[in-house]
N, C-alpha and C. Protein backbone atom coordinates (compact mmCIF):
# COMPACT_ATOMS: atom_id res chain seq x y z
N MET A 1 3.35 -117.29 54.40
CA MET A 1 2.97 -115.96 54.81
C MET A 1 2.73 -115.99 56.31
N GLU A 2 3.18 -114.98 56.99
CA GLU A 2 3.03 -114.93 58.43
C GLU A 2 1.65 -114.43 58.83
N GLU A 3 1.15 -114.97 59.93
CA GLU A 3 -0.18 -114.62 60.40
C GLU A 3 -0.29 -113.13 60.73
N ASP A 4 0.75 -112.55 61.32
CA ASP A 4 0.70 -111.12 61.68
C ASP A 4 0.53 -110.24 60.44
N TYR A 5 1.19 -110.61 59.35
CA TYR A 5 1.09 -109.85 58.11
C TYR A 5 -0.34 -109.92 57.57
N LEU A 6 -0.91 -111.11 57.58
CA LEU A 6 -2.28 -111.27 57.09
C LEU A 6 -3.26 -110.54 58.00
N LYS A 7 -3.04 -110.59 59.30
CA LYS A 7 -3.91 -109.88 60.24
C LYS A 7 -3.87 -108.37 59.99
N GLU A 8 -2.69 -107.86 59.71
CA GLU A 8 -2.56 -106.43 59.41
C GLU A 8 -3.30 -106.07 58.12
N LEU A 9 -3.20 -106.92 57.12
CA LEU A 9 -3.94 -106.68 55.87
C LEU A 9 -5.45 -106.68 56.11
N LEU A 10 -5.93 -107.57 56.96
CA LEU A 10 -7.35 -107.62 57.26
C LEU A 10 -7.80 -106.37 58.02
N ASN A 11 -6.94 -105.85 58.88
CA ASN A 11 -7.24 -104.59 59.57
C ASN A 11 -7.36 -103.44 58.58
N VAL A 12 -6.47 -103.41 57.59
CA VAL A 12 -6.53 -102.38 56.54
C VAL A 12 -7.83 -102.53 55.75
N LEU A 13 -8.19 -103.75 55.47
CA LEU A 13 -9.42 -104.02 54.72
C LEU A 13 -10.65 -103.48 55.45
N GLU A 14 -10.66 -103.59 56.78
CA GLU A 14 -11.78 -103.05 57.57
C GLU A 14 -11.87 -101.54 57.44
N LYS A 15 -10.73 -100.87 57.37
CA LYS A 15 -10.70 -99.41 57.30
C LYS A 15 -11.01 -98.89 55.90
N TYR A 16 -10.53 -99.59 54.90
CA TYR A 16 -10.68 -99.16 53.51
C TYR A 16 -11.51 -100.22 52.77
N THR A 17 -12.80 -100.09 52.85
CA THR A 17 -13.70 -101.15 52.39
C THR A 17 -13.72 -101.35 50.88
N GLN A 18 -13.17 -100.42 50.11
CA GLN A 18 -13.11 -100.62 48.66
C GLN A 18 -11.93 -101.51 48.28
N THR A 19 -11.10 -101.85 49.24
CA THR A 19 -9.92 -102.67 49.00
C THR A 19 -10.31 -104.14 48.92
N VAL A 20 -9.60 -104.89 48.08
CA VAL A 20 -9.78 -106.33 47.96
C VAL A 20 -8.43 -106.99 48.16
N ILE A 21 -8.38 -108.07 48.91
CA ILE A 21 -7.14 -108.82 49.10
C ILE A 21 -7.23 -110.08 48.25
N THR A 22 -6.22 -110.32 47.44
CA THR A 22 -6.14 -111.54 46.64
C THR A 22 -5.06 -112.44 47.24
N LEU A 23 -5.43 -113.67 47.57
CA LEU A 23 -4.49 -114.63 48.15
C LEU A 23 -3.98 -115.56 47.06
N THR A 24 -2.70 -115.86 47.09
CA THR A 24 -2.11 -116.78 46.10
C THR A 24 -1.36 -117.89 46.82
N LEU A 25 -1.17 -118.99 46.13
CA LEU A 25 -0.42 -120.12 46.66
C LEU A 25 1.00 -120.09 46.14
N SER A 26 1.91 -120.72 46.86
CA SER A 26 3.32 -120.70 46.48
C SER A 26 3.57 -121.37 45.14
N ASN A 27 2.74 -122.35 44.76
CA ASN A 27 2.97 -123.04 43.50
C ASN A 27 2.20 -122.43 42.33
N GLN A 28 1.39 -121.41 42.59
CA GLN A 28 0.61 -120.76 41.53
C GLN A 28 0.51 -119.27 41.83
N GLN A 29 1.63 -118.59 41.90
CA GLN A 29 1.63 -117.22 42.39
C GLN A 29 0.89 -116.22 41.50
N ASN A 30 0.68 -116.54 40.25
CA ASN A 30 0.00 -115.60 39.36
C ASN A 30 -1.50 -115.85 39.27
N ILE A 31 -1.98 -116.88 39.97
CA ILE A 31 -3.39 -117.24 39.89
C ILE A 31 -4.06 -116.94 41.23
N PRO A 32 -5.09 -116.10 41.25
CA PRO A 32 -5.79 -115.84 42.51
C PRO A 32 -6.41 -117.13 43.06
N TYR A 33 -6.11 -117.45 44.31
CA TYR A 33 -6.65 -118.67 44.91
C TYR A 33 -7.88 -118.36 45.76
N ALA A 34 -7.92 -117.16 46.29
CA ALA A 34 -9.08 -116.70 47.06
C ALA A 34 -9.06 -115.18 47.08
N ILE A 35 -10.21 -114.62 47.22
CA ILE A 35 -10.35 -113.17 47.27
C ILE A 35 -11.09 -112.83 48.56
N VAL A 36 -10.61 -111.82 49.28
CA VAL A 36 -11.25 -111.40 50.52
C VAL A 36 -11.66 -109.94 50.38
N ASN A 37 -12.91 -109.66 50.70
CA ASN A 37 -13.34 -108.27 50.77
C ASN A 37 -14.14 -108.07 52.05
N TYR A 38 -14.48 -106.83 52.32
CA TYR A 38 -15.19 -106.47 53.55
C TYR A 38 -16.44 -105.70 53.17
N GLU A 39 -17.60 -106.30 53.44
CA GLU A 39 -18.87 -105.69 53.07
C GLU A 39 -19.82 -105.73 54.26
N LYS A 40 -20.44 -104.63 54.54
CA LYS A 40 -21.47 -104.56 55.57
C LYS A 40 -21.03 -105.19 56.89
N LYS A 41 -19.80 -104.86 57.29
CA LYS A 41 -19.22 -105.28 58.57
C LYS A 41 -18.93 -106.77 58.68
N VAL A 42 -18.78 -107.46 57.55
CA VAL A 42 -18.35 -108.85 57.56
C VAL A 42 -17.28 -109.06 56.49
N PHE A 43 -16.40 -110.02 56.74
CA PHE A 43 -15.40 -110.41 55.76
C PHE A 43 -16.01 -111.47 54.86
N VAL A 44 -15.77 -111.36 53.56
CA VAL A 44 -16.27 -112.33 52.61
C VAL A 44 -15.07 -112.97 51.92
N LEU A 45 -14.94 -114.29 52.04
CA LEU A 45 -13.86 -115.06 51.42
C LEU A 45 -14.46 -115.76 50.20
N ILE A 46 -13.96 -115.43 49.02
CA ILE A 46 -14.50 -115.96 47.77
C ILE A 46 -13.48 -116.88 47.13
N ASP A 47 -13.94 -118.06 46.73
CA ASP A 47 -13.11 -119.00 45.99
C ASP A 47 -13.46 -118.84 44.52
N PRO A 48 -12.56 -118.21 43.71
CA PRO A 48 -12.89 -117.97 42.30
C PRO A 48 -13.09 -119.24 41.49
N GLY A 49 -12.47 -120.33 41.91
CA GLY A 49 -12.60 -121.59 41.18
C GLY A 49 -14.00 -122.16 41.24
N THR A 50 -14.60 -122.12 42.41
CA THR A 50 -15.94 -122.67 42.59
C THR A 50 -17.01 -121.59 42.69
N GLU A 51 -16.57 -120.34 42.77
CA GLU A 51 -17.46 -119.19 42.92
C GLU A 51 -18.31 -119.28 44.18
N THR A 52 -17.77 -119.92 45.22
CA THR A 52 -18.45 -119.97 46.50
C THR A 52 -17.92 -118.88 47.41
N ALA A 53 -18.75 -118.43 48.32
CA ALA A 53 -18.36 -117.37 49.25
C ALA A 53 -18.68 -117.81 50.67
N SER A 54 -17.80 -117.45 51.59
CA SER A 54 -18.02 -117.70 53.01
C SER A 54 -17.93 -116.37 53.74
N VAL A 55 -18.76 -116.20 54.76
CA VAL A 55 -18.84 -114.94 55.50
C VAL A 55 -18.30 -115.14 56.91
N TYR A 56 -17.48 -114.18 57.36
CA TYR A 56 -16.88 -114.22 58.70
C TYR A 56 -17.08 -112.87 59.36
N THR A 57 -17.44 -112.89 60.64
CA THR A 57 -17.78 -111.65 61.33
C THR A 57 -16.59 -110.96 61.98
N ASP A 58 -15.48 -111.67 62.16
CA ASP A 58 -14.33 -111.04 62.80
C ASP A 58 -13.02 -111.59 62.23
N ILE A 59 -11.94 -110.89 62.54
CA ILE A 59 -10.62 -111.25 62.01
C ILE A 59 -10.17 -112.62 62.49
N CYS A 60 -10.42 -112.94 63.76
CA CYS A 60 -9.99 -114.24 64.29
C CYS A 60 -10.64 -115.40 63.54
N SER A 61 -11.92 -115.29 63.25
CA SER A 61 -12.60 -116.40 62.56
C SER A 61 -12.13 -116.55 61.12
N ILE A 62 -11.88 -115.44 60.42
CA ILE A 62 -11.40 -115.58 59.04
C ILE A 62 -9.95 -116.07 59.01
N LEU A 63 -9.14 -115.65 59.98
CA LEU A 63 -7.77 -116.16 60.05
C LEU A 63 -7.76 -117.66 60.26
N SER A 64 -8.61 -118.15 61.15
CA SER A 64 -8.70 -119.59 61.40
C SER A 64 -9.14 -120.33 60.14
N ALA A 65 -10.10 -119.75 59.43
CA ALA A 65 -10.57 -120.38 58.20
C ALA A 65 -9.49 -120.43 57.14
N ILE A 66 -8.75 -119.33 57.00
CA ILE A 66 -7.68 -119.28 56.00
C ILE A 66 -6.59 -120.28 56.35
N GLN A 67 -6.22 -120.36 57.63
CA GLN A 67 -5.19 -121.30 58.05
C GLN A 67 -5.65 -122.74 57.85
N GLY A 68 -6.92 -123.02 58.11
CA GLY A 68 -7.44 -124.36 57.93
C GLY A 68 -7.64 -124.73 56.48
N TYR A 69 -7.80 -123.73 55.64
CA TYR A 69 -8.07 -123.94 54.22
C TYR A 69 -6.85 -124.47 53.47
N TRP A 70 -5.69 -123.99 53.89
CA TRP A 70 -4.47 -124.41 53.22
C TRP A 70 -3.71 -125.38 54.09
N ASP A 71 -3.49 -126.59 53.59
CA ASP A 71 -2.73 -127.58 54.34
C ASP A 71 -1.25 -127.42 54.04
N ASN A 72 -0.43 -128.33 54.52
CA ASN A 72 1.02 -128.23 54.36
C ASN A 72 1.47 -128.29 52.90
N ASN A 73 0.68 -128.90 52.05
CA ASN A 73 1.06 -129.02 50.63
C ASN A 73 0.71 -127.77 49.83
N LYS A 74 -0.10 -126.91 50.37
CA LYS A 74 -0.55 -125.72 49.66
C LYS A 74 -0.24 -124.50 50.50
N LYS A 75 0.99 -124.12 50.57
CA LYS A 75 1.39 -122.98 51.40
C LYS A 75 0.91 -121.67 50.78
N LEU A 76 0.38 -120.81 51.62
CA LEU A 76 -0.05 -119.49 51.18
C LEU A 76 1.17 -118.65 50.88
N ALA A 77 1.25 -118.13 49.66
CA ALA A 77 2.45 -117.41 49.23
C ALA A 77 2.37 -115.93 49.55
N GLY A 78 1.27 -115.33 49.27
CA GLY A 78 1.21 -113.89 49.45
C GLY A 78 -0.20 -113.36 49.34
N ALA A 79 -0.28 -112.07 49.62
CA ALA A 79 -1.57 -111.40 49.52
C ALA A 79 -1.32 -110.00 49.00
């Protein structure tokens, strides 16, 4: 997935706060790998497997986290 596409989705998420973005991996496209929502002016990245959540205050920081989260063996497939 290209960074510009993900950045655009995050911009939409800021405008439409009831929206949720579900991220999937290329080898498990039907299984949500992470969920991103926007609450109280912060992005929340949720890992459904461990039920942990991380909070990011801006698009640049969450993009960096998402890019760092997936290594070369786990390519992000879509959102």
